[in-house]
């Protein structure tokens, strides 16, 4: 009887040990699965971190590039302001008035050409006639005054020809590249800023000191501004 009882206890112990071993293996397998999942998630997090670092580096480089472009834009703007200021000092009052009249007259001509039958056409023609009369009066006074009255014009060596006024929508420019320097209707000029060519223009009207030039379609590569250089083509 005792032997039978001992056998039962031994069998129960073996069964219990087997169950415990099975549970241990099951838990080990689950732990292995969890460890694999954690390792995979850790790899994904490492990849995402690297991607975030790469994006951060790209953002930093883009910000640096924008800062550089902003600095260059400020430099160009300052150079343009300096050029405009120099022009304002060197051009006499009469010359500035002539440039202004040519700018106003060309703007009125373009408005009139764009809407010749509009209700404002008569007003535009009247204003254009007034500018023509003012221009004639200005030239008459120039002939009566001594040659030095308007101040000596800057030499081509001291100050290269440049843009004085820019028409609406960059449609035309007023320049100090006049007939004295070789300007004549039909001549093609280049508008440059630094080494970049911004547009090609065609002279439509020229006086000794100034010219009106129309921007040729399809050649505009940037916004024009006073101070941009005018270069004649061969």
C-alpha atoms as a PDB file:
ATOM      1  CA  UNK A   1       0.000   0.000   0.000  1.00  0.00           C
ATOM      2  CA  UNK A   2       2.810   2.321   0.914  1.00  0.00           C
ATOM      3  CA  UNK A   3       4.608   1.531  -2.338  1.00  0.00           C
ATOM      4  CA  UNK A   4       1.477   2.310  -4.308  1.00  0.00           C
ATOM      5  CA  UNK A   5       1.083   5.613  -2.507  1.00  0.00           C
ATOM      6  CA  UNK A   6       4.732   6.460  -3.121  1.00  0.00           C
ATOM      7  CA  UNK A   7       4.259   5.705  -6.806  1.00  0.00           C
ATOM      8  CA  UNK A   8       1.254   7.990  -6.983  1.00  0.00           C
ATOM      9  CA  UNK A   9       3.174  10.773  -5.315  1.00  0.00           C
ATOM     10  CA  UNK A  10       6.097  10.277  -7.688  1.00  0.00           C
ATOM     11  CA  UNK A  11       3.826  10.335 -10.741  1.00  0.00           C
ATOM     12  CA  UNK A  12       2.133  13.496  -9.470  1.00  0.00           C
ATOM     13  CA  UNK A  13       5.515  15.096  -8.883  1.00  0.00           C
ATOM     14  CA  UNK A  14       6.653  14.171 -12.386  1.00  0.00           C
ATOM     15  CA  UNK A  15       3.435  15.562 -13.857  1.00  0.00           C
ATOM     16  CA  UNK A  16       3.811  18.732 -11.818  1.00  0.00           C
ATOM     17  CA  UNK A  17       7.409  19.077 -12.905  1.00  0.00           C
ATOM     18  CA  UNK A  18       6.373  18.589 -16.539  1.00  0.00           C
ATOM     19  CA  UNK A  19       3.657  21.201 -16.236  1.00  0.00           C
ATOM     20  CA  UNK A  20       6.099  23.639 -14.609  1.00  0.00           C
ATOM     21  CA  UNK A  21       8.659  22.941 -17.348  1.00  0.00           C
ATOM     22  CA  UNK A  22       6.015  23.528 -20.038  1.00  0.00           C
ATOM     23  CA  UNK A  23       4.914  26.764 -18.404  1.00  0.00           C
ATOM     24  CA  UNK A  24       8.553  27.871 -18.131  1.00  0.00           C
ATOM     25  CA  UNK A  25       9.164  27.149 -21.800  1.00  0.00           C
ATOM     26  CA  UNK A  26       5.963  28.966 -22.758  1.00  0.00           C
ATOM     27  CA  UNK A  27       7.007  31.978 -20.702  1.00  0.00           C
ATOM     28  CA  UNK A  28      10.501  31.836 -22.257  1.00  0.00           C
ATOM     29  CA  UNK A  29       8.981  31.761 -25.744  1.00  0.00           C
ATOM     30  CA  UNK A  30       6.733  34.710 -24.878  1.00  0.00           C
ATOM     31  CA  UNK A  31       9.745  36.550 -23.457  1.00  0.00           C
ATOM     32  CA  UNK A  32      11.672  35.834 -26.652  1.00  0.00           C
ATOM     33  CA  UNK A  33       8.791  37.203 -28.743  1.00  0.00           C
ATOM     34  CA  UNK A  34       8.637  40.307 -26.538  1.00  0.00           C
ATOM     35  CA  UNK A  35      12.396  40.757 -26.771  1.00  0.00           C
ATOM     36  CA  UNK A  36      12.243  40.424 -30.559  1.00  0.00           C
ATOM     37  CA  UNK A  37       9.436  42.976 -30.711  1.00  0.00           C
ATOM     38  CA  UNK A  38      11.359  45.330 -28.445  1.00  0.00           C
ATOM     39  CA  UNK A  39      14.492  44.931 -30.548  1.00  0.00           C
ATOM     40  CA  UNK A  40      12.505  45.639 -33.713  1.00  0.00           C
ATOM     41  CA  UNK A  41      10.875  48.682 -32.090  1.00  0.00           C
ATOM     42  CA  UNK A  42      14.282  49.869 -30.896  1.00  0.00           C
ATOM     43  CA  UNK A  43      15.623  49.537 -34.459  1.00  0.00           C
ATOM     44  CA  UNK A  44      12.622  51.490 -35.759  1.00  0.00           C
ATOM     45  CA  UNK A  45      13.208  54.208 -33.161  1.00  0.00           C
ATOM     46  CA  UNK A  46      16.899  54.348 -34.112  1.00  0.00           C
ATOM     47  CA  UNK A  47      15.913  54.736 -37.783  1.00  0.00           C
ATOM     48  CA  UNK A  48      13.346  57.428 -36.945  1.00  0.00           C
ATOM     49  CA  UNK A  49      15.956  59.222 -34.834  1.00  0.00           C
ATOM     50  CA  UNK A  50      18.433  59.149 -37.705  1.00  0.00           C
ATOM     51  CA  UNK A  51      15.734  60.434 -40.072  1.00  0.00           C
ATOM     52  CA  UNK A  52      14.859  63.215 -37.612  1.00  0.00           C
ATOM     53  CA  UNK A  53      18.539  64.151 -37.329  1.00  0.00           C
ATOM     54  CA  UNK A  54      18.816  64.200 -41.148  1.00  0.00           C
ATOM     55  CA  UNK A  55      15.717  66.413 -41.427  1.00  0.00           C
ATOM     56  CA  UNK A  56      17.078  68.669 -38.708  1.00  0.00           C
ATOM     57  CA  UNK A  57      20.365  68.946 -40.602  1.00  0.00           C
ATOM     58  CA  UNK A  58      18.505  69.737 -43.846  1.00  0.00           C
ATOM     59  CA  UNK A  59      16.430  72.362 -42.002  1.00  0.00           C
ATOM     60  CA  UNK A  60      19.579  73.853 -40.535  1.00  0.00           C
ATOM     61  CA  UNK A  61      21.255  73.970 -43.946  1.00  0.00           C
ATOM     62  CA  UNK A  62      18.116  75.481 -45.518  1.00  0.00           C
ATOM     63  CA  UNK A  63      17.989  78.099 -42.757  1.00  0.00           C
ATOM     64  CA  UNK A  64      21.670  78.878 -43.312  1.00  0.00           C
ATOM     65  CA  UNK A  65      21.041  79.177 -47.062  1.00  0.00           C
ATOM     66  CA  UNK A  66      18.084  81.493 -46.440  1.00  0.00           C
ATOM     67  CA  UNK A  67      20.198  83.577 -44.075  1.00  0.00           C
ATOM     68  CA  UNK A  68      22.870  83.803 -46.756  1.00  0.00           C
ATOM     69  CA  UNK A  69      20.315  84.777 -49.419  1.00  0.00           C
ATOM     70  CA  UNK A  70      18.804  87.354 -47.059  1.00  0.00           C
ATOM     71  CA  UNK A  71      22.253  88.781 -46.410  1.00  0.00           C
ATOM     72  CA  UNK A  72      22.926  88.969 -50.152  1.00  0.00           C
ATOM     73  CA  UNK A  73      19.525  90.585 -50.734  1.00  0.00           C
ATOM     74  CA  UNK A  74      20.256  93.164 -48.038  1.00  0.00           C
ATOM     75  CA  UNK A  75      23.654  93.813 -49.596  1.00  0.00           C
ATOM     76  CA  UNK A  76      22.074  94.283 -53.052  1.00  0.00           C
ATOM     77  CA  UNK A  77      19.379  96.520 -51.573  1.00  0.00           C
ATOM     78  CA  UNK A  78      22.009  98.609 -49.802  1.00  0.00           C
ATOM     79  CA  UNK A  79      24.067  98.820 -52.989  1.00  0.00           C
ATOM     80  CA  UNK A  80      20.958  99.867 -54.904  1.00  0.00           C
ATOM     81  CA  UNK A  81      20.116 102.514 -52.305  1.00  0.00           C
ATOM     82  CA  UNK A  82      23.702 103.751 -52.413  1.00  0.00           C
ATOM     83  CA  UNK A  83      23.618 103.866 -56.226  1.00  0.00           C
ATOM     84  CA  UNK A  84      20.283 105.699 -56.181  1.00  0.00           C
ATOM     85  CA  UNK A  85      21.622 108.134 -53.601  1.00  0.00           C
ATOM     86  CA  UNK A  86      24.696 108.766 -55.763  1.00  0.00           C
ATOM     87  CA  UNK A  87      22.466 109.364 -58.770  1.00  0.00           C
ATOM     88  CA  UNK A  88      20.349 111.794 -56.781  1.00  0.00           C
ATOM     89  CA  UNK A  89      23.451 113.741 -55.800  1.00  0.00           C
ATOM     90  CA  UNK A  90      25.051 113.799 -59.227  1.00  0.00           C
ATOM     91  CA  UNK A  91      22.012 114.466 -61.377  1.00  0.00           C
ATOM     92  CA  UNK A  92      21.001 118.101 -61.395  1.00  0.00           C
ATOM     93  CA  UNK A  93      17.450 119.156 -60.651  1.00  0.00           C
ATOM     94  CA  UNK A  94      16.793 119.746 -64.346  1.00  0.00           C
ATOM     95  CA  UNK A  95      18.063 116.288 -65.242  1.00  0.00           C
ATOM     96  CA  UNK A  96      15.925 114.668 -62.576  1.00  0.00           C
ATOM     97  CA  UNK A  97      12.908 116.572 -63.830  1.00  0.00           C
ATOM     98  CA  UNK A  98      13.589 115.429 -67.392  1.00  0.00           C
ATOM     99  CA  UNK A  99      13.861 111.809 -66.258  1.00  0.00           C
ATOM    100  CA  UNK A 100      10.630 112.156 -64.284  1.00  0.00           C
ATOM    101  CA  UNK A 101       8.796 113.696 -67.246  1.00  0.00           C
ATOM    102  CA  UNK A 102       9.989 110.949 -69.580  1.00  0.00           C
ATOM    103  CA  UNK A 103       8.871 108.330 -67.075  1.00  0.00           C
ATOM    104  CA  UNK A 104       5.446 109.914 -66.623  1.00  0.00           C
ATOM    105  CA  UNK A 105       4.985 110.403 -70.373  1.00  0.00           C
ATOM    106  CA  UNK A 106       5.900 106.788 -71.182  1.00  0.00           C
ATOM    107  CA  UNK A 107       3.607 105.492 -68.419  1.00  0.00           C
ATOM    108  CA  UNK A 108       0.738 107.560 -69.847  1.00  0.00           C
ATOM    109  CA  UNK A 109       1.477 106.351 -73.395  1.00  0.00           C
ATOM    110  CA  UNK A 110       1.311 102.728 -72.276  1.00  0.00           C
ATOM    111  CA  UNK A 111      -1.911 103.277 -70.356  1.00  0.00           C
ATOM    112  CA  UNK A 112      -3.430 104.979 -73.391  1.00  0.00           C
ATOM    113  CA  UNK A 113      -2.261 102.191 -75.708  1.00  0.00           C
ATOM    114  CA  UNK A 114      -3.776  99.589 -73.378  1.00  0.00           C
ATOM    115  CA  UNK A 115      -7.207 101.267 -73.308  1.00  0.00           C
ATOM    116  CA  UNK A 116      -7.548 103.752 -76.207  1.00  0.00           C
ATOM    117  CA  UNK A 117     -11.345 103.687 -76.100  1.00  0.00           C
ATOM    118  CA  UNK A 118     -11.861 103.842 -72.338  1.00  0.00           C
ATOM    119  CA  UNK A 119     -13.628 106.707 -70.585  1.00  0.00           C
ATOM    120  CA  UNK A 120     -10.238 107.731 -69.171  1.00  0.00           C
ATOM    121  CA  UNK A 121      -8.620 107.994 -72.608  1.00  0.00           C
ATOM    122  CA  UNK A 122      -9.338 111.729 -72.976  1.00  0.00           C
ATOM    123  CA  UNK A 123      -7.912 112.380 -69.515  1.00  0.00           C
ATOM    124  CA  UNK A 124      -4.809 110.366 -70.387  1.00  0.00           C
ATOM    125  CA  UNK A 125      -4.342 112.290 -73.645  1.00  0.00           C
ATOM    126  CA  UNK A 126      -4.694 115.586 -71.771  1.00  0.00           C
ATOM    127  CA  UNK A 127      -2.136 114.576 -69.184  1.00  0.00           C
ATOM    128  CA  UNK A 128       0.204 113.335 -71.908  1.00  0.00           C
ATOM    129  CA  UNK A 129      -0.088 116.680 -73.739  1.00  0.00           C
ATOM    130  CA  UNK A 130       0.658 118.496 -70.470  1.00  0.00           C
ATOM    131  CA  UNK A 131       3.800 116.412 -69.941  1.00  0.00           C
ATOM    132  CA  UNK A 132       4.871 117.172 -73.522  1.00  0.00           C
ATOM    133  CA  UNK A 133       4.425 120.909 -72.913  1.00  0.00           C
ATOM    134  CA  UNK A 134       6.360 120.673 -69.651  1.00  0.00           C
ATOM    135  CA  UNK A 135       9.142 118.819 -71.422  1.00  0.00           C
ATOM    136  CA  UNK A 136       9.324 121.457 -74.175  1.00  0.00           C
ATOM    137  CA  UNK A 137       9.443 124.191 -71.530  1.00  0.00           C
ATOM    138  CA  UNK A 138      12.194 122.329 -69.704  1.00  0.00           C
ATOM    139  CA  UNK A 139      14.275 122.065 -72.887  1.00  0.00           C
ATOM    140  CA  UNK A 140      13.669 125.764 -73.614  1.00  0.00           C
ATOM    141  CA  UNK A 141      14.977 126.727 -70.175  1.00  0.00           C
ATOM    142  CA  UNK A 142      17.967 124.446 -70.688  1.00  0.00           C
ATOM    143  CA  UNK A 143      18.867 126.314 -73.878  1.00  0.00           C
ATOM    144  CA  UNK A 144      18.566 129.672 -72.121  1.00  0.00           C
ATOM    145  CA  UNK A 145      20.605 128.717 -69.074  1.00  0.00           C
ATOM    146  CA  UNK A 146      24.420 128.502 -68.986  1.00  0.00           C
ATOM    147  CA  UNK A 147      25.833 125.075 -69.663  1.00  0.00           C
ATOM    148  CA  UNK A 148      26.927 124.700 -66.040  1.00  0.00           C
ATOM    149  CA  UNK A 149      23.535 125.539 -64.580  1.00  0.00           C
ATOM    150  CA  UNK A 150      22.423 121.949 -64.297  1.00  0.00           C
ATOM    151  CA  UNK A 151      25.755 120.780 -62.949  1.00  0.00           C
ATOM    152  CA  UNK A 152      28.386 118.828 -64.822  1.00  0.00           C
ATOM    153  CA  UNK A 153      27.112 115.402 -65.793  1.00  0.00           C
ATOM    154  CA  UNK A 154      28.994 112.446 -64.340  1.00  0.00           C
ATOM    155  CA  UNK A 155      31.477 110.912 -66.729  1.00  0.00           C
ATOM    156  CA  UNK A 156      30.945 107.439 -68.129  1.00  0.00           C
ATOM    157  CA  UNK A 157      34.184 106.302 -66.432  1.00  0.00           C
ATOM    158  CA  UNK A 158      33.132 107.648 -63.030  1.00  0.00           C
ATOM    159  CA  UNK A 159      29.616 106.219 -63.157  1.00  0.00           C
ATOM    160  CA  UNK A 160      28.487 103.617 -65.719  1.00  0.00           C
ATOM    161  CA  UNK A 161      25.046 104.091 -67.297  1.00  0.00           C
ATOM    162  CA  UNK A 162      22.256 102.721 -65.154  1.00  0.00           C
ATOM    163  CA  UNK A 163      18.510 102.457 -64.685  1.00  0.00           C
ATOM    164  CA  UNK A 164      16.932 105.598 -63.214  1.00  0.00           C
ATOM    165  CA  UNK A 165      13.256 104.645 -63.212  1.00  0.00           C
ATOM    166  CA  UNK A 166      11.371 101.363 -63.711  1.00  0.00           C
ATOM    167  CA  UNK A 167       7.942 101.353 -65.335  1.00  0.00           C
ATOM    168  CA  UNK A 168       4.899  99.485 -63.998  1.00  0.00           C
ATOM    169  CA  UNK A 169       5.258  95.697 -64.119  1.00  0.00           C
ATOM    170  CA  UNK A 170       8.870  96.125 -65.336  1.00  0.00           C
ATOM    171  CA  UNK A 171       7.500  97.071 -68.764  1.00  0.00           C
ATOM    172  CA  UNK A 172      10.075  99.791 -69.520  1.00  0.00           C
ATOM    173  CA  UNK A 173      12.995 101.678 -67.983  1.00  0.00           C
ATOM    174  CA  UNK A 174      14.384 105.197 -68.031  1.00  0.00           C
ATOM    175  CA  UNK A 175      18.190 105.177 -68.216  1.00  0.00           C
ATOM    176  CA  UNK A 176      20.991 107.727 -68.320  1.00  0.00           C
ATOM    177  CA  UNK A 177      22.376 105.944 -71.386  1.00  0.00           C
ATOM    178  CA  UNK A 178      21.501 108.754 -73.791  1.00  0.00           C
ATOM    179  CA  UNK A 179      22.331 109.684 -77.341  1.00  0.00           C
ATOM    180  CA  UNK A 180      25.632 111.184 -76.156  1.00  0.00           C
ATOM    181  CA  UNK A 181      26.704 107.628 -75.291  1.00  0.00           C
ATOM    182  CA  UNK A 182      25.321 106.068 -78.471  1.00  0.00           C
ATOM    183  CA  UNK A 183      21.671 105.381 -77.628  1.00  0.00           C
ATOM    184  CA  UNK A 184      19.208 105.527 -80.522  1.00  0.00           C
ATOM    185  CA  UNK A 185      15.756 104.056 -81.209  1.00  0.00           C
ATOM    186  CA  UNK A 186      16.022 100.360 -81.927  1.00  0.00           C
ATOM    187  CA  UNK A 187      19.276  99.771 -80.046  1.00  0.00           C
ATOM    188  CA  UNK A 188      19.295  96.708 -77.784  1.00  0.00           C
ATOM    189  CA  UNK A 189      20.671  97.120 -74.262  1.00  0.00           C
ATOM    190  CA  UNK A 190      21.273  94.658 -71.417  1.00  0.00           C
ATOM    191  CA  UNK A 191      20.162  95.338 -67.857  1.00  0.00           C
ATOM    192  CA  UNK A 192      22.564  93.754 -65.379  1.00  0.00           C
ATOM    193  CA  UNK A 193      23.027  93.476 -61.632  1.00  0.00           C
ATOM    194  CA  UNK A 194      26.465  92.230 -60.786  1.00  0.00           C
ATOM    195  CA  UNK A 195      27.230  89.476 -63.286  1.00  0.00           C
ATOM    196  CA  UNK A 196      23.580  88.509 -63.817  1.00  0.00           C
ATOM    197  CA  UNK A 197      21.657  89.750 -66.853  1.00  0.00           C
ATOM    198  CA  UNK A 198      18.124  90.633 -65.742  1.00  0.00           C
ATOM    199  CA  UNK A 199      16.588  91.696 -69.068  1.00  0.00           C
ATOM    200  CA  UNK A 200      17.110  92.917 -72.606  1.00  0.00           C
ATOM    201  CA  UNK A 201      15.556  96.258 -73.505  1.00  0.00           C
ATOM    202  CA  UNK A 202      15.050  98.100 -76.767  1.00  0.00           C
ATOM    203  CA  UNK A 203      15.470 101.874 -76.916  1.00  0.00           C
ATOM    204  CA  UNK A 204      12.260 103.555 -78.070  1.00  0.00           C
ATOM    205  CA  UNK A 205      13.265 107.196 -77.498  1.00  0.00           C
ATOM    206  CA  UNK A 206      16.569 108.906 -76.765  1.00  0.00           C
ATOM    207  CA  UNK A 207      17.722 112.377 -75.785  1.00  0.00           C
ATOM    208  CA  UNK A 208      21.329 113.470 -75.256  1.00  0.00           C
ATOM    209  CA  UNK A 209      21.309 112.381 -71.598  1.00  0.00           C
ATOM    210  CA  UNK A 210      18.491 109.866 -71.303  1.00  0.00           C
ATOM    211  CA  UNK A 211      16.710 107.046 -73.092  1.00  0.00           C
ATOM    212  CA  UNK A 212      13.416 105.231 -72.779  1.00  0.00           C
ATOM    213  CA  UNK A 213      13.776 101.478 -73.369  1.00  0.00           C
ATOM    214  CA  UNK A 214      11.062  98.810 -73.558  1.00  0.00           C
ATOM    215  CA  UNK A 215      11.685  95.447 -71.880  1.00  0.00           C
ATOM    216  CA  UNK A 216      11.689  92.767 -74.593  1.00  0.00           C
ATOM    217  CA  UNK A 217       9.124  89.996 -73.978  1.00  0.00           C
ATOM    218  CA  UNK A 218      10.538  86.772 -72.583  1.00  0.00           C
ATOM    219  CA  UNK A 219      13.865  88.287 -71.481  1.00  0.00           C
ATOM    220  CA  UNK A 220      12.925  89.426 -67.956  1.00  0.00           C
ATOM    221  CA  UNK A 221      14.694  87.259 -65.352  1.00  0.00           C
ATOM    222  CA  UNK A 222      14.229  89.309 -62.198  1.00  0.00           C
ATOM    223  CA  UNK A 223      12.634  92.432 -60.798  1.00  0.00           C
ATOM    224  CA  UNK A 224      14.336  95.541 -62.147  1.00  0.00           C
ATOM    225  CA  UNK A 225      15.252  98.411 -59.883  1.00  0.00           C
ATOM    226  CA  UNK A 226      16.982 101.785 -60.026  1.00  0.00           C
ATOM    227  CA  UNK A 227      20.732 101.395 -60.002  1.00  0.00           C
ATOM    228  CA  UNK A 228      20.852  98.305 -62.228  1.00  0.00           C
ATOM    229  CA  UNK A 229      23.593  98.697 -64.811  1.00  0.00           C
ATOM    230  CA  UNK A 230      22.915  99.354 -68.504  1.00  0.00           C
ATOM    231  CA  UNK A 231      25.262  97.629 -70.952  1.00  0.00           C
ATOM    232  CA  UNK A 232      25.168  98.291 -74.688  1.00  0.00           C
ATOM    233  CA  UNK A 233      25.334  95.391 -77.114  1.00  0.00           C
ATOM    234  CA  UNK A 234      27.596  95.386 -80.174  1.00  0.00           C
END
